[in-house]
Amino acid sequence: MKLSALCGVNTLMVHACGGSIMRILNIGLLIVAVGGPVIAQDVTTPVTPPSETAPAVAAEIGDVIDAQLLAFKSRNIEGAWVHASQNIQRLFGNPDQFGLMVQQLYPMVWDNSDARYVSQRAQDGYVFQQVMIQDPQGRLHMLEYAMIKTPDGWRIDGVSILPQSDVGV
């Protein structure tokens, strides 16, 4: 049974075209995980990606996503946590709450069996990487990772599950 069905809650979509990213968050999970409503106040401003070649950026971003996927698959939650941006880390507070959210809302990430990088686009200091992830049952899921360049390297600042109609055979 899905967490949203258990909690009987709505999904909150935060989207603004002026430079922020689209994130889908389950309000019930946030209230349970954090113990009350979450108010985002201190948001990290993305560092403008340097003039790097597209293949170099794609490789760096792929390495970060691959490392997090491998960490989730091996249940190394702290290893996955280090690839999340400061925004995500502030939102969830600790690796255990973050891992619970991924396990409940992103089961294809938690139990991934394969990942293929599809397309990438830059917008307002972020790089959005579409990744086709295969779950253990062989089903394909298209996700879009919002990547942010920090002084410490690329970090994952959000993940959106794209509609199934966008996943081709």
N, C-alpha and C. Protein backbone atom coordinates (compact mmCIF):
# COMPACT_ATOMS: atom_id res chain seq x y z
N MET A 1 0.84 -1.17 0.00
CA MET A 1 0.00 0.00 0.00
C MET A 1 0.89 1.24 0.00
N LYS A 2 0.51 2.24 -0.76
CA LYS A 2 1.30 3.45 -0.86
C LYS A 2 1.15 4.30 0.40
N LEU A 3 2.20 5.07 0.71
CA LEU A 3 2.18 5.94 1.87
C LEU A 3 1.04 6.93 1.79
N SER A 4 0.77 7.48 0.60
CA SER A 4 -0.30 8.46 0.47
C SER A 4 -1.66 7.84 0.81
N ALA A 5 -1.85 6.56 0.47
CA ALA A 5 -3.10 5.89 0.81
C ALA A 5 -3.19 5.65 2.31
N LEU A 6 -2.06 5.31 2.93
CA LEU A 6 -2.05 5.09 4.37
C LEU A 6 -2.33 6.36 5.14
N CYS A 7 -1.75 7.47 4.69
CA CYS A 7 -1.87 8.73 5.41
C CYS A 7 -3.10 9.53 5.02
N GLY A 8 -3.67 9.23 3.84
CA GLY A 8 -4.83 9.97 3.38
C GLY A 8 -4.51 11.44 3.17
N VAL A 9 -3.39 11.74 2.58
CA VAL A 9 -2.97 13.12 2.42
C VAL A 9 -2.84 13.49 0.96
N ASN A 10 -2.70 14.77 0.73
CA ASN A 10 -2.51 15.30 -0.61
C ASN A 10 -1.03 15.39 -0.93
N THR A 11 -0.73 15.57 -2.19
CA THR A 11 0.64 15.79 -2.63
C THR A 11 0.80 17.27 -2.91
N LEU A 12 1.92 17.82 -2.51
CA LEU A 12 2.22 19.23 -2.71
C LEU A 12 3.21 19.34 -3.84
N MET A 13 2.91 20.14 -4.83
CA MET A 13 3.84 20.37 -5.93
C MET A 13 4.32 21.82 -5.83
N VAL A 14 5.62 21.98 -5.75
CA VAL A 14 6.23 23.29 -5.70
C VAL A 14 6.89 23.52 -7.04
N HIS A 15 6.44 24.55 -7.75
CA HIS A 15 7.01 24.81 -9.07
C HIS A 15 6.95 26.31 -9.34
N ALA A 16 8.05 26.86 -9.72
CA ALA A 16 8.09 28.25 -10.15
C ALA A 16 9.07 28.32 -11.31
N CYS A 17 8.66 28.95 -12.37
CA CYS A 17 9.49 28.99 -13.57
C CYS A 17 10.69 29.91 -13.40
N GLY A 18 10.72 30.77 -12.42
CA GLY A 18 11.78 31.75 -12.27
C GLY A 18 13.04 31.23 -11.60
N GLY A 19 13.46 30.01 -11.85
CA GLY A 19 14.75 29.56 -11.38
C GLY A 19 14.68 28.48 -10.33
N SER A 20 13.53 28.25 -9.72
CA SER A 20 13.49 27.15 -8.76
C SER A 20 13.12 25.88 -9.50
N ILE A 21 13.13 24.78 -8.79
CA ILE A 21 12.91 23.49 -9.44
C ILE A 21 11.57 22.91 -9.02
N MET A 22 11.09 21.98 -9.83
CA MET A 22 9.84 21.31 -9.49
C MET A 22 10.17 20.14 -8.58
N ARG A 23 9.50 20.07 -7.46
CA ARG A 23 9.67 18.99 -6.51
C ARG A 23 8.31 18.49 -6.10
N ILE A 24 8.15 17.22 -6.01
CA ILE A 24 6.90 16.66 -5.53
C ILE A 24 7.19 16.04 -4.18
N LEU A 25 6.49 16.51 -3.16
CA LEU A 25 6.72 16.03 -1.80
C LEU A 25 5.40 15.58 -1.20
N ASN A 26 5.44 14.53 -0.46
CA ASN A 26 4.25 14.03 0.22
C ASN A 26 4.14 14.72 1.57
N ILE A 27 3.07 15.49 1.77
CA ILE A 27 2.92 16.27 3.00
C ILE A 27 2.85 15.36 4.22
N GLY A 28 2.17 14.25 4.11
CA GLY A 28 2.06 13.34 5.24
C GLY A 28 3.40 12.84 5.70
N LEU A 29 4.27 12.46 4.78
CA LEU A 29 5.60 11.98 5.14
C LEU A 29 6.39 13.07 5.83
N LEU A 30 6.30 14.30 5.32
CA LEU A 30 7.03 15.39 5.94
C LEU A 30 6.54 15.66 7.36
N ILE A 31 5.25 15.63 7.55
CA ILE A 31 4.71 15.88 8.88
C ILE A 31 5.12 14.76 9.83
N VAL A 32 5.05 13.51 9.38
CA VAL A 32 5.47 12.38 10.21
C VAL A 32 6.97 12.42 10.45
N ALA A 33 7.75 12.66 9.40
CA ALA A 33 9.21 12.59 9.51
C ALA A 33 9.79 13.74 10.33
N VAL A 34 9.21 14.92 10.20
CA VAL A 34 9.78 16.09 10.85
C VAL A 34 9.04 16.43 12.13
N GLY A 35 7.82 15.93 12.30
CA GLY A 35 7.08 16.20 13.51
C GLY A 35 6.24 17.46 13.44
N GLY A 36 6.02 18.01 12.28
CA GLY A 36 5.21 19.20 12.13
C GLY A 36 5.38 19.75 10.73
N PRO A 37 4.66 20.82 10.42
CA PRO A 37 4.77 21.41 9.09
C PRO A 37 6.19 21.89 8.82
N VAL A 38 6.60 21.81 7.57
CA VAL A 38 7.93 22.23 7.15
C VAL A 38 7.82 23.56 6.45
N ILE A 39 8.67 24.50 6.86
CA ILE A 39 8.73 25.80 6.20
C ILE A 39 10.15 25.99 5.72
N ALA A 40 10.31 26.06 4.40
CA ALA A 40 11.65 26.26 3.83
C ALA A 40 11.99 27.73 3.93
N GLN A 41 13.12 28.04 4.57
CA GLN A 41 13.51 29.43 4.72
C GLN A 41 14.87 29.72 4.12
N ASP A 42 15.88 28.91 4.44
CA ASP A 42 17.24 29.18 4.02
C ASP A 42 17.56 28.30 2.82
N VAL A 43 17.41 28.83 1.63
CA VAL A 43 17.60 28.06 0.41
C VAL A 43 18.95 28.40 -0.19
N THR A 44 19.71 27.37 -0.54
CA THR A 44 21.01 27.56 -1.17
C THR A 44 20.81 28.05 -2.61
N THR A 45 21.51 29.10 -2.96
CA THR A 45 21.47 29.59 -4.34
C THR A 45 22.47 28.79 -5.15
N PRO A 46 22.06 28.31 -6.32
CA PRO A 46 22.98 27.50 -7.11
C PRO A 46 24.18 28.30 -7.58
N VAL A 47 25.32 27.63 -7.62
CA VAL A 47 26.51 28.22 -8.20
C VAL A 47 26.39 28.04 -9.70
N THR A 48 26.60 29.10 -10.46
CA THR A 48 26.50 28.99 -11.91
C THR A 48 27.55 28.00 -12.39
N PRO A 49 27.13 26.98 -13.14
CA PRO A 49 28.10 26.01 -13.63
C PRO A 49 29.17 26.70 -14.45
N PRO A 50 30.44 26.34 -14.20
CA PRO A 50 31.52 26.95 -14.98
C PRO A 50 31.43 26.54 -16.44
N SER A 51 32.18 27.20 -17.26
CA SER A 51 32.15 26.88 -18.69
C SER A 51 32.90 25.56 -18.92
N GLU A 52 32.26 24.47 -18.54
CA GLU A 52 32.82 23.14 -18.75
C GLU A 52 32.21 22.56 -20.01
N THR A 53 32.88 21.61 -20.57
CA THR A 53 32.32 20.96 -21.75
C THR A 53 31.13 20.12 -21.34
N ALA A 54 30.16 19.99 -22.20
CA ALA A 54 28.96 19.21 -21.90
C ALA A 54 29.30 17.77 -21.53
N PRO A 55 30.22 17.08 -22.22
CA PRO A 55 30.54 15.71 -21.82
C PRO A 55 31.13 15.63 -20.41
N ALA A 56 31.93 16.61 -20.00
CA ALA A 56 32.51 16.60 -18.66
C ALA A 56 31.43 16.77 -17.60
N VAL A 57 30.50 17.68 -17.84
CA VAL A 57 29.40 17.90 -16.90
C VAL A 57 28.53 16.64 -16.83
N ALA A 58 28.20 16.08 -17.98
CA ALA A 58 27.37 14.87 -18.01
C ALA A 58 28.02 13.73 -17.24
N ALA A 59 29.33 13.57 -17.39
CA ALA A 59 30.05 12.50 -16.70
C ALA A 59 30.05 12.72 -15.19
N GLU A 60 30.30 13.96 -14.76
CA GLU A 60 30.31 14.26 -13.33
C GLU A 60 28.93 14.02 -12.72
N ILE A 61 27.90 14.48 -13.39
CA ILE A 61 26.52 14.30 -12.89
C ILE A 61 26.17 12.82 -12.87
N GLY A 62 26.51 12.10 -13.92
CA GLY A 62 26.25 10.67 -13.95
C GLY A 62 26.95 9.93 -12.82
N ASP A 63 28.17 10.33 -12.50
CA ASP A 63 28.90 9.70 -11.39
C ASP A 63 28.18 9.92 -10.07
N VAL A 64 27.65 11.12 -9.84
CA VAL A 64 26.94 11.41 -8.59
C VAL A 64 25.66 10.59 -8.49
N ILE A 65 24.88 10.58 -9.56
CA ILE A 65 23.61 9.82 -9.55
C ILE A 65 23.91 8.33 -9.41
N ASP A 66 24.88 7.82 -10.16
CA ASP A 66 25.25 6.40 -10.05
C ASP A 66 25.66 6.04 -8.62
N ALA A 67 26.45 6.91 -8.00
CA ALA A 67 26.91 6.64 -6.63
C ALA A 67 25.73 6.59 -5.66
N GLN A 68 24.78 7.50 -5.84
CA GLN A 68 23.62 7.48 -4.94
C GLN A 68 22.75 6.26 -5.19
N LEU A 69 22.53 5.91 -6.45
CA LEU A 69 21.74 4.71 -6.76
C LEU A 69 22.39 3.46 -6.18
N LEU A 70 23.70 3.33 -6.31
CA LEU A 70 24.41 2.18 -5.75
C LEU A 70 24.30 2.16 -4.23
N ALA A 71 24.40 3.33 -3.61
CA ALA A 71 24.28 3.41 -2.15
C ALA A 71 22.90 2.95 -1.71
N PHE A 72 21.84 3.40 -2.38
CA PHE A 72 20.49 2.96 -2.02
C PHE A 72 20.35 1.45 -2.21
N LYS A 73 20.83 0.95 -3.33
CA LYS A 73 20.71 -0.47 -3.64
C LYS A 73 21.42 -1.32 -2.57
N SER A 74 22.54 -0.84 -2.05
CA SER A 74 23.27 -1.58 -1.01
C SER A 74 22.85 -1.17 0.40
N ARG A 75 21.80 -0.34 0.50
CA ARG A 75 21.23 0.12 1.77
C ARG A 75 22.21 0.94 2.59
N ASN A 76 23.10 1.64 1.91
CA ASN A 76 24.04 2.55 2.56
C ASN A 76 23.41 3.94 2.54
N ILE A 77 22.51 4.19 3.48
CA ILE A 77 21.74 5.44 3.49
C ILE A 77 22.66 6.65 3.67
N GLU A 78 23.64 6.53 4.55
CA GLU A 78 24.57 7.65 4.74
C GLU A 78 25.38 7.92 3.48
N GLY A 79 25.71 6.87 2.74
CA GLY A 79 26.41 7.03 1.47
C GLY A 79 25.55 7.74 0.45
N ALA A 80 24.24 7.49 0.46
CA ALA A 80 23.32 8.18 -0.45
C ALA A 80 23.10 9.63 -0.01
N TRP A 81 23.05 9.84 1.29
CA TRP A 81 22.80 11.15 1.91
C TRP A 81 23.84 12.19 1.47
N VAL A 82 25.10 11.79 1.35
CA VAL A 82 26.16 12.75 1.03
C VAL A 82 26.01 13.33 -0.37
N HIS A 83 25.21 12.70 -1.22
CA HIS A 83 25.01 13.21 -2.58
C HIS A 83 23.81 14.15 -2.68
N ALA A 84 23.07 14.29 -1.58
CA ALA A 84 21.93 15.21 -1.54
C ALA A 84 22.42 16.62 -1.23
N SER A 85 21.76 17.60 -1.81
CA SER A 85 22.13 19.00 -1.59
C SER A 85 21.84 19.40 -0.14
N GLN A 86 22.39 20.55 0.25
CA GLN A 86 22.09 21.08 1.58
C GLN A 86 20.60 21.34 1.74
N ASN A 87 19.93 21.77 0.68
CA ASN A 87 18.48 22.00 0.75
C ASN A 87 17.75 20.73 1.16
N ILE A 88 18.08 19.62 0.51
CA ILE A 88 17.44 18.34 0.80
C ILE A 88 17.82 17.88 2.21
N GLN A 89 19.08 18.02 2.57
CA GLN A 89 19.51 17.61 3.90
C GLN A 89 18.81 18.41 4.99
N ARG A 90 18.62 19.72 4.77
CA ARG A 90 17.87 20.53 5.75
C ARG A 90 16.42 20.10 5.82
N LEU A 91 15.84 19.78 4.66
CA LEU A 91 14.44 19.40 4.61
C LEU A 91 14.16 18.12 5.40
N PHE A 92 15.04 17.13 5.28
CA PHE A 92 14.80 15.84 5.93
C PHE A 92 15.53 15.68 7.25
N GLY A 93 16.55 16.47 7.49
CA GLY A 93 17.17 16.50 8.80
C GLY A 93 18.23 15.45 9.10
N ASN A 94 18.04 14.22 8.62
CA ASN A 94 19.02 13.17 8.87
C ASN A 94 18.87 12.07 7.83
N PRO A 95 19.90 11.23 7.71
CA PRO A 95 19.87 10.18 6.68
C PRO A 95 18.71 9.20 6.84
N ASP A 96 18.32 8.88 8.06
CA ASP A 96 17.24 7.90 8.25
C ASP A 96 15.91 8.41 7.70
N GLN A 97 15.58 9.67 7.96
CA GLN A 97 14.33 10.23 7.43
C GLN A 97 14.39 10.32 5.91
N PHE A 98 15.54 10.68 5.39
CA PHE A 98 15.74 10.75 3.95
C PHE A 98 15.56 9.37 3.33
N GLY A 99 16.17 8.35 3.92
CA GLY A 99 16.06 6.98 3.41
C GLY A 99 14.62 6.48 3.45
N LEU A 100 13.90 6.80 4.52
CA LEU A 100 12.49 6.41 4.63
C LEU A 100 11.66 7.03 3.51
N MET A 101 11.92 8.31 3.23
CA MET A 101 11.20 8.98 2.15
C MET A 101 11.47 8.31 0.82
N VAL A 102 12.74 8.00 0.52
CA VAL A 102 13.07 7.36 -0.76
C VAL A 102 12.43 5.98 -0.84
N GLN A 103 12.52 5.21 0.23
CA GLN A 103 11.95 3.86 0.24
C GLN A 103 10.44 3.90 -0.01
N GLN A 104 9.74 4.86 0.59
CA GLN A 104 8.29 4.95 0.47
C GLN A 104 7.82 5.57 -0.85
N LEU A 105 8.49 6.65 -1.28
CA LEU A 105 8.00 7.41 -2.44
C LEU A 105 8.72 7.12 -3.74
N TYR A 106 9.93 6.58 -3.66
CA TYR A 106 10.73 6.29 -4.85
C TYR A 106 11.23 4.85 -4.79
N PRO A 107 10.32 3.86 -4.78
CA PRO A 107 10.76 2.46 -4.66
C PRO A 107 11.65 2.02 -5.81
N MET A 108 11.49 2.62 -6.98
CA MET A 108 12.33 2.26 -8.13
C MET A 108 13.76 2.76 -7.94
N VAL A 109 13.95 3.78 -7.13
CA VAL A 109 15.30 4.26 -6.80
C VAL A 109 15.88 3.39 -5.69
N TRP A 110 15.05 3.08 -4.70
CA TRP A 110 15.48 2.26 -3.56
C TRP A 110 15.95 0.88 -4.03
N ASP A 111 15.21 0.28 -4.96
CA ASP A 111 15.52 -1.06 -5.48
C ASP A 111 15.81 -1.02 -6.97
N ASN A 112 16.70 -0.15 -7.39
CA ASN A 112 16.99 0.00 -8.81
C ASN A 112 17.83 -1.16 -9.32
N SER A 113 17.62 -1.53 -10.59
CA SER A 113 18.43 -2.59 -11.19
C SER A 113 19.25 -2.08 -12.38
N ASP A 114 18.87 -0.93 -12.94
CA ASP A 114 19.61 -0.36 -14.06
C ASP A 114 19.23 1.10 -14.21
N ALA A 115 20.14 1.90 -14.72
CA ALA A 115 19.87 3.32 -14.99
C ALA A 115 20.51 3.70 -16.31
N ARG A 116 19.75 4.43 -17.11
CA ARG A 116 20.26 4.93 -18.40
C ARG A 116 19.99 6.42 -18.47
N TYR A 117 21.00 7.14 -18.89
CA TYR A 117 20.90 8.59 -18.96
C TYR A 117 20.34 8.98 -20.31
N VAL A 118 19.26 9.77 -20.27
CA VAL A 118 18.50 10.05 -21.48
C VAL A 118 18.81 11.43 -22.04
N SER A 119 18.49 12.46 -21.32
CA SER A 119 18.73 13.82 -21.83
C SER A 119 19.09 14.73 -20.66
N GLN A 120 19.67 15.86 -21.02
CA GLN A 120 20.13 16.80 -20.01
C GLN A 120 19.88 18.20 -20.54
N ARG A 121 19.48 19.08 -19.63
CA ARG A 121 19.30 20.48 -20.01
C ARG A 121 19.71 21.36 -18.84
N ALA A 122 20.24 22.53 -19.16
CA ALA A 122 20.63 23.50 -18.15
C ALA A 122 19.58 24.60 -18.12
N GLN A 123 19.27 25.05 -16.91
CA GLN A 123 18.30 26.13 -16.77
C GLN A 123 18.53 26.83 -15.43
N ASP A 124 18.79 28.13 -15.50
CA ASP A 124 18.90 28.98 -14.32
C ASP A 124 19.88 28.45 -13.27
N GLY A 125 21.02 27.98 -13.70
CA GLY A 125 22.04 27.51 -12.77
C GLY A 125 21.90 26.06 -12.34
N TYR A 126 20.88 25.40 -12.78
CA TYR A 126 20.67 23.98 -12.48
C TYR A 126 20.88 23.18 -13.75
N VAL A 127 21.17 21.91 -13.58
CA VAL A 127 21.18 20.98 -14.70
C VAL A 127 20.14 19.92 -14.38
N PHE A 128 19.24 19.68 -15.31
CA PHE A 128 18.19 18.68 -15.15
C PHE A 128 18.58 17.46 -15.98
N GLN A 129 18.74 16.34 -15.32
CA GLN A 129 19.16 15.10 -15.97
C GLN A 129 18.01 14.10 -15.93
N GLN A 130 17.53 13.68 -17.11
CA GLN A 130 16.53 12.63 -17.16
C GLN A 130 17.22 11.28 -17.13
N VAL A 131 16.70 10.41 -16.28
CA VAL A 131 17.28 9.08 -16.09
C VAL A 131 16.16 8.06 -16.18
N MET A 132 16.34 7.04 -17.02
CA MET A 132 15.39 5.94 -17.09
C MET A 132 15.90 4.86 -16.14
N ILE A 133 15.10 4.57 -15.12
CA ILE A 133 15.49 3.60 -14.10
C ILE A 133 14.63 2.36 -14.24
N GLN A 134 15.27 1.21 -14.17
CA GLN A 134 14.56 -0.07 -14.22
C GLN A 134 14.48 -0.63 -12.80
N ASP A 135 13.27 -1.05 -12.43
CA ASP A 135 13.11 -1.66 -11.12
C ASP A 135 13.37 -3.17 -11.22
N PRO A 136 13.40 -3.89 -10.10
CA PRO A 136 13.72 -5.32 -10.14
C PRO A 136 12.73 -6.16 -10.96
N GLN A 137 11.51 -5.66 -11.17
CA GLN A 137 10.52 -6.38 -11.97
C GLN A 137 10.65 -6.08 -13.46
N GLY A 138 11.61 -5.25 -13.83
CA GLY A 138 11.84 -4.93 -15.24
C GLY A 138 11.05 -3.74 -15.74
N ARG A 139 10.26 -3.10 -14.89
CA ARG A 139 9.49 -1.92 -15.30
C ARG A 139 10.42 -0.71 -15.40
N LEU A 140 10.14 0.13 -16.39
CA LEU A 140 10.94 1.34 -16.60
C LEU A 140 10.23 2.55 -16.01
N HIS A 141 11.00 3.45 -15.42
CA HIS A 141 10.49 4.67 -14.81
C HIS A 141 11.39 5.82 -15.26
N MET A 142 10.78 6.90 -15.71
CA MET A 142 11.56 8.07 -16.12
C MET A 142 11.54 9.08 -14.97
N LEU A 143 12.73 9.45 -14.53
CA LEU A 143 12.88 10.42 -13.47
C LEU A 143 13.71 11.59 -13.97
N GLU A 144 13.49 12.74 -13.38
CA GLU A 144 14.31 13.91 -13.70
C GLU A 144 14.98 14.38 -12.42
N TYR A 145 16.31 14.34 -12.45
CA TYR A 145 17.13 14.78 -11.31
C TYR A 145 17.48 16.24 -11.51
N ALA A 146 17.23 17.07 -10.50
CA ALA A 146 17.65 18.46 -10.50
C ALA A 146 19.00 18.52 -9.82
N MET A 147 20.02 18.88 -10.56
CA MET A 147 21.39 18.89 -10.06
C MET A 147 21.84 20.33 -9.82
N ILE A 148 22.54 20.51 -8.72
CA ILE A 148 23.03 21.84 -8.37
C ILE A 148 24.55 21.75 -8.19
N LYS A 149 25.26 22.71 -8.77
CA LYS A 149 26.71 22.77 -8.63
C LYS A 149 27.02 23.54 -7.35
N THR A 150 27.77 22.91 -6.46
CA THR A 150 28.17 23.54 -5.20
C THR A 150 29.69 23.65 -5.18
N PRO A 151 30.23 24.36 -4.24
CA PRO A 151 31.69 24.42 -4.13
C PRO A 151 32.31 23.03 -3.92
N ASP A 152 31.51 22.08 -3.41
CA ASP A 152 32.00 20.71 -3.17
C ASP A 152 31.69 19.76 -4.32
N GLY A 153 31.14 20.27 -5.41
CA GLY A 153 30.81 19.43 -6.56
C GLY A 153 29.31 19.38 -6.79
N TRP A 154 28.88 18.51 -7.70
CA TRP A 154 27.46 18.38 -8.03
C TRP A 154 26.72 17.64 -6.93
N ARG A 155 25.50 18.12 -6.61
CA ARG A 155 24.63 17.48 -5.62
C ARG A 155 23.23 17.37 -6.21
N ILE A 156 22.48 16.41 -5.70
CA ILE A 156 21.10 16.18 -6.13
C ILE A 156 20.20 17.08 -5.29
N ASP A 157 19.45 17.97 -5.96
CA ASP A 157 18.61 18.94 -5.28
C ASP A 157 17.13 18.61 -5.40
N GLY A 158 16.80 17.51 -6.02
CA GLY A 158 15.41 17.09 -6.14
C GLY A 158 15.27 16.07 -7.25
N VAL A 159 14.23 15.26 -7.14
CA VAL A 159 13.94 14.24 -8.15
C VAL A 159 12.45 14.25 -8.40
N SER A 160 12.07 14.28 -9.66
CA SER A 160 10.66 14.21 -10.05
C SER A 160 10.43 12.95 -10.86
N ILE A 161 9.34 12.28 -10.57
CA ILE A 161 8.92 11.14 -11.39
C ILE A 161 8.10 11.69 -12.54
N LEU A 162 8.54 11.43 -13.76
CA LEU A 162 7.82 11.92 -14.93
C LEU A 162 6.66 10.99 -15.25
N PRO A 163 5.61 11.50 -15.87
CA PRO A 163 4.45 10.67 -16.20
C PRO A 163 4.85 9.48 -17.07
N GLN A 164 4.16 8.35 -16.87
CA GLN A 164 4.45 7.12 -17.62
C GLN A 164 4.33 7.32 -19.11
N SER A 165 3.48 8.22 -19.56
CA SER A 165 3.32 8.44 -21.00
C SER A 165 4.61 8.94 -21.62
N ASP A 166 5.52 9.50 -20.81
CA ASP A 166 6.80 9.98 -21.34
C ASP A 166 7.83 8.87 -21.47
N VAL A 167 7.52 7.66 -21.00
CA VAL A 167 8.47 6.54 -21.07
C VAL A 167 8.10 5.69 -22.28
N GLY A 168 9.00 5.64 -23.25
CA GLY A 168 8.75 4.86 -24.46
C GLY A 168 9.30 3.46 -24.35
N VAL A 169 8.93 2.64 -25.31
CA VAL A 169 9.41 1.26 -25.33
C VAL A 169 10.74 1.19 -26.03
